[in-house]
């Protein structure tokens, strides 16, 4: 996190894309519509085993026609 003149803050972070899906909405809510962000691809990483299992189970449910909760 870096403080800029005028009370601005710059935050640089590396996060999974899945965590960014609702970020724009959350940022607007937290900053009364004043915040902005940019994203760039850093690279690809293996999915952790617990998340991989969730993805596989979700796919299998979709193939079986089971509705999501």
C-alpha atoms as a PDB file:
ATOM      1  CA  UNK A   1       0.000   0.000   0.000  1.00  0.00           C
ATOM      2  CA  UNK A   2       1.340   3.422  -0.949  1.00  0.00           C
ATOM      3  CA  UNK A   3       0.084   6.837   0.153  1.00  0.00           C
ATOM      4  CA  UNK A   4      -0.116   9.513  -2.533  1.00  0.00           C
ATOM      5  CA  UNK A   5      -0.653  13.258  -2.207  1.00  0.00           C
ATOM      6  CA  UNK A   6      -4.262  14.319  -1.767  1.00  0.00           C
ATOM      7  CA  UNK A   7      -5.148  11.472   0.561  1.00  0.00           C
ATOM      8  CA  UNK A   8      -5.051   8.841  -2.178  1.00  0.00           C
ATOM      9  CA  UNK A   9      -3.923   5.258  -1.591  1.00  0.00           C
ATOM     10  CA  UNK A  10      -2.475   2.797  -4.112  1.00  0.00           C
ATOM     11  CA  UNK A  11      -2.752  -0.892  -3.289  1.00  0.00           C
ATOM     12  CA  UNK A  12      -0.878  -3.483  -5.316  1.00  0.00           C
ATOM     13  CA  UNK A  13      -1.765  -7.123  -4.812  1.00  0.00           C
ATOM     14  CA  UNK A  14      -1.671 -10.493  -6.509  1.00  0.00           C
ATOM     15  CA  UNK A  15      -5.022 -12.284  -6.231  1.00  0.00           C
ATOM     16  CA  UNK A  16      -6.810 -15.117  -8.035  1.00  0.00           C
ATOM     17  CA  UNK A  17      -9.095 -13.964 -10.836  1.00  0.00           C
ATOM     18  CA  UNK A  18     -12.061 -15.622  -9.131  1.00  0.00           C
ATOM     19  CA  UNK A  19     -11.610 -13.221  -6.213  1.00  0.00           C
ATOM     20  CA  UNK A  20     -11.828 -10.241  -8.577  1.00  0.00           C
ATOM     21  CA  UNK A  21     -15.239 -11.065 -10.025  1.00  0.00           C
ATOM     22  CA  UNK A  22     -17.112  -8.951  -7.477  1.00  0.00           C
ATOM     23  CA  UNK A  23     -14.297  -6.487  -6.758  1.00  0.00           C
ATOM     24  CA  UNK A  24     -15.651  -3.594  -8.853  1.00  0.00           C
ATOM     25  CA  UNK A  25     -18.957  -3.650  -6.981  1.00  0.00           C
ATOM     26  CA  UNK A  26     -17.264  -3.961  -3.591  1.00  0.00           C
ATOM     27  CA  UNK A  27     -14.805  -1.159  -4.369  1.00  0.00           C
ATOM     28  CA  UNK A  28     -17.591   1.210  -5.421  1.00  0.00           C
ATOM     29  CA  UNK A  29     -19.447   0.388  -2.227  1.00  0.00           C
ATOM     30  CA  UNK A  30     -16.386   0.923  -0.005  1.00  0.00           C
ATOM     31  CA  UNK A  31     -15.352   4.194  -1.668  1.00  0.00           C
ATOM     32  CA  UNK A  32     -18.745   5.797  -2.389  1.00  0.00           C
ATOM     33  CA  UNK A  33     -18.051   5.353  -6.101  1.00  0.00           C
ATOM     34  CA  UNK A  34     -14.672   7.147  -6.016  1.00  0.00           C
ATOM     35  CA  UNK A  35     -12.330   4.144  -6.218  1.00  0.00           C
ATOM     36  CA  UNK A  36     -10.918   2.678  -9.405  1.00  0.00           C
ATOM     37  CA  UNK A  37      -8.700  -0.264 -10.263  1.00  0.00           C
ATOM     38  CA  UNK A  38      -6.788  -1.927 -13.061  1.00  0.00           C
ATOM     39  CA  UNK A  39      -5.886  -5.566 -13.556  1.00  0.00           C
ATOM     40  CA  UNK A  40      -3.194  -7.288 -15.510  1.00  0.00           C
ATOM     41  CA  UNK A  41      -2.393 -10.958 -15.924  1.00  0.00           C
ATOM     42  CA  UNK A  42       0.621 -11.933 -13.864  1.00  0.00           C
ATOM     43  CA  UNK A  43       0.692 -15.563 -14.894  1.00  0.00           C
ATOM     44  CA  UNK A  44      -0.826 -18.938 -14.289  1.00  0.00           C
ATOM     45  CA  UNK A  45      -0.494 -20.981 -11.117  1.00  0.00           C
ATOM     46  CA  UNK A  46      -1.746 -24.458 -10.195  1.00  0.00           C
ATOM     47  CA  UNK A  47      -5.123 -24.508  -8.490  1.00  0.00           C
ATOM     48  CA  UNK A  48      -4.865 -25.580  -4.827  1.00  0.00           C
ATOM     49  CA  UNK A  49      -6.224 -29.131  -4.281  1.00  0.00           C
ATOM     50  CA  UNK A  50      -9.220 -28.029  -2.186  1.00  0.00           C
ATOM     51  CA  UNK A  51     -10.317 -25.504  -4.839  1.00  0.00           C
ATOM     52  CA  UNK A  52      -9.667 -28.031  -7.592  1.00  0.00           C
ATOM     53  CA  UNK A  53     -12.000 -30.467  -5.852  1.00  0.00           C
ATOM     54  CA  UNK A  54     -14.738 -27.807  -5.634  1.00  0.00           C
ATOM     55  CA  UNK A  55     -14.388 -27.102  -9.371  1.00  0.00           C
ATOM     56  CA  UNK A  56     -14.618 -30.811 -10.233  1.00  0.00           C
ATOM     57  CA  UNK A  57     -17.675 -31.306  -8.009  1.00  0.00           C
ATOM     58  CA  UNK A  58     -19.422 -28.264  -9.499  1.00  0.00           C
ATOM     59  CA  UNK A  59     -18.722 -29.537 -13.008  1.00  0.00           C
ATOM     60  CA  UNK A  60     -19.995 -33.006 -12.158  1.00  0.00           C
ATOM     61  CA  UNK A  61     -23.195 -31.557 -10.662  1.00  0.00           C
ATOM     62  CA  UNK A  62     -23.747 -29.449 -13.781  1.00  0.00           C
ATOM     63  CA  UNK A  63     -23.304 -32.524 -16.004  1.00  0.00           C
ATOM     64  CA  UNK A  64     -25.813 -34.414 -13.853  1.00  0.00           C
ATOM     65  CA  UNK A  65     -28.341 -31.571 -14.093  1.00  0.00           C
ATOM     66  CA  UNK A  66     -28.215 -30.722 -10.393  1.00  0.00           C
ATOM     67  CA  UNK A  67     -29.093 -27.069  -9.685  1.00  0.00           C
ATOM     68  CA  UNK A  68     -26.695 -24.816  -7.750  1.00  0.00           C
ATOM     69  CA  UNK A  69     -27.775 -23.540  -4.336  1.00  0.00           C
END
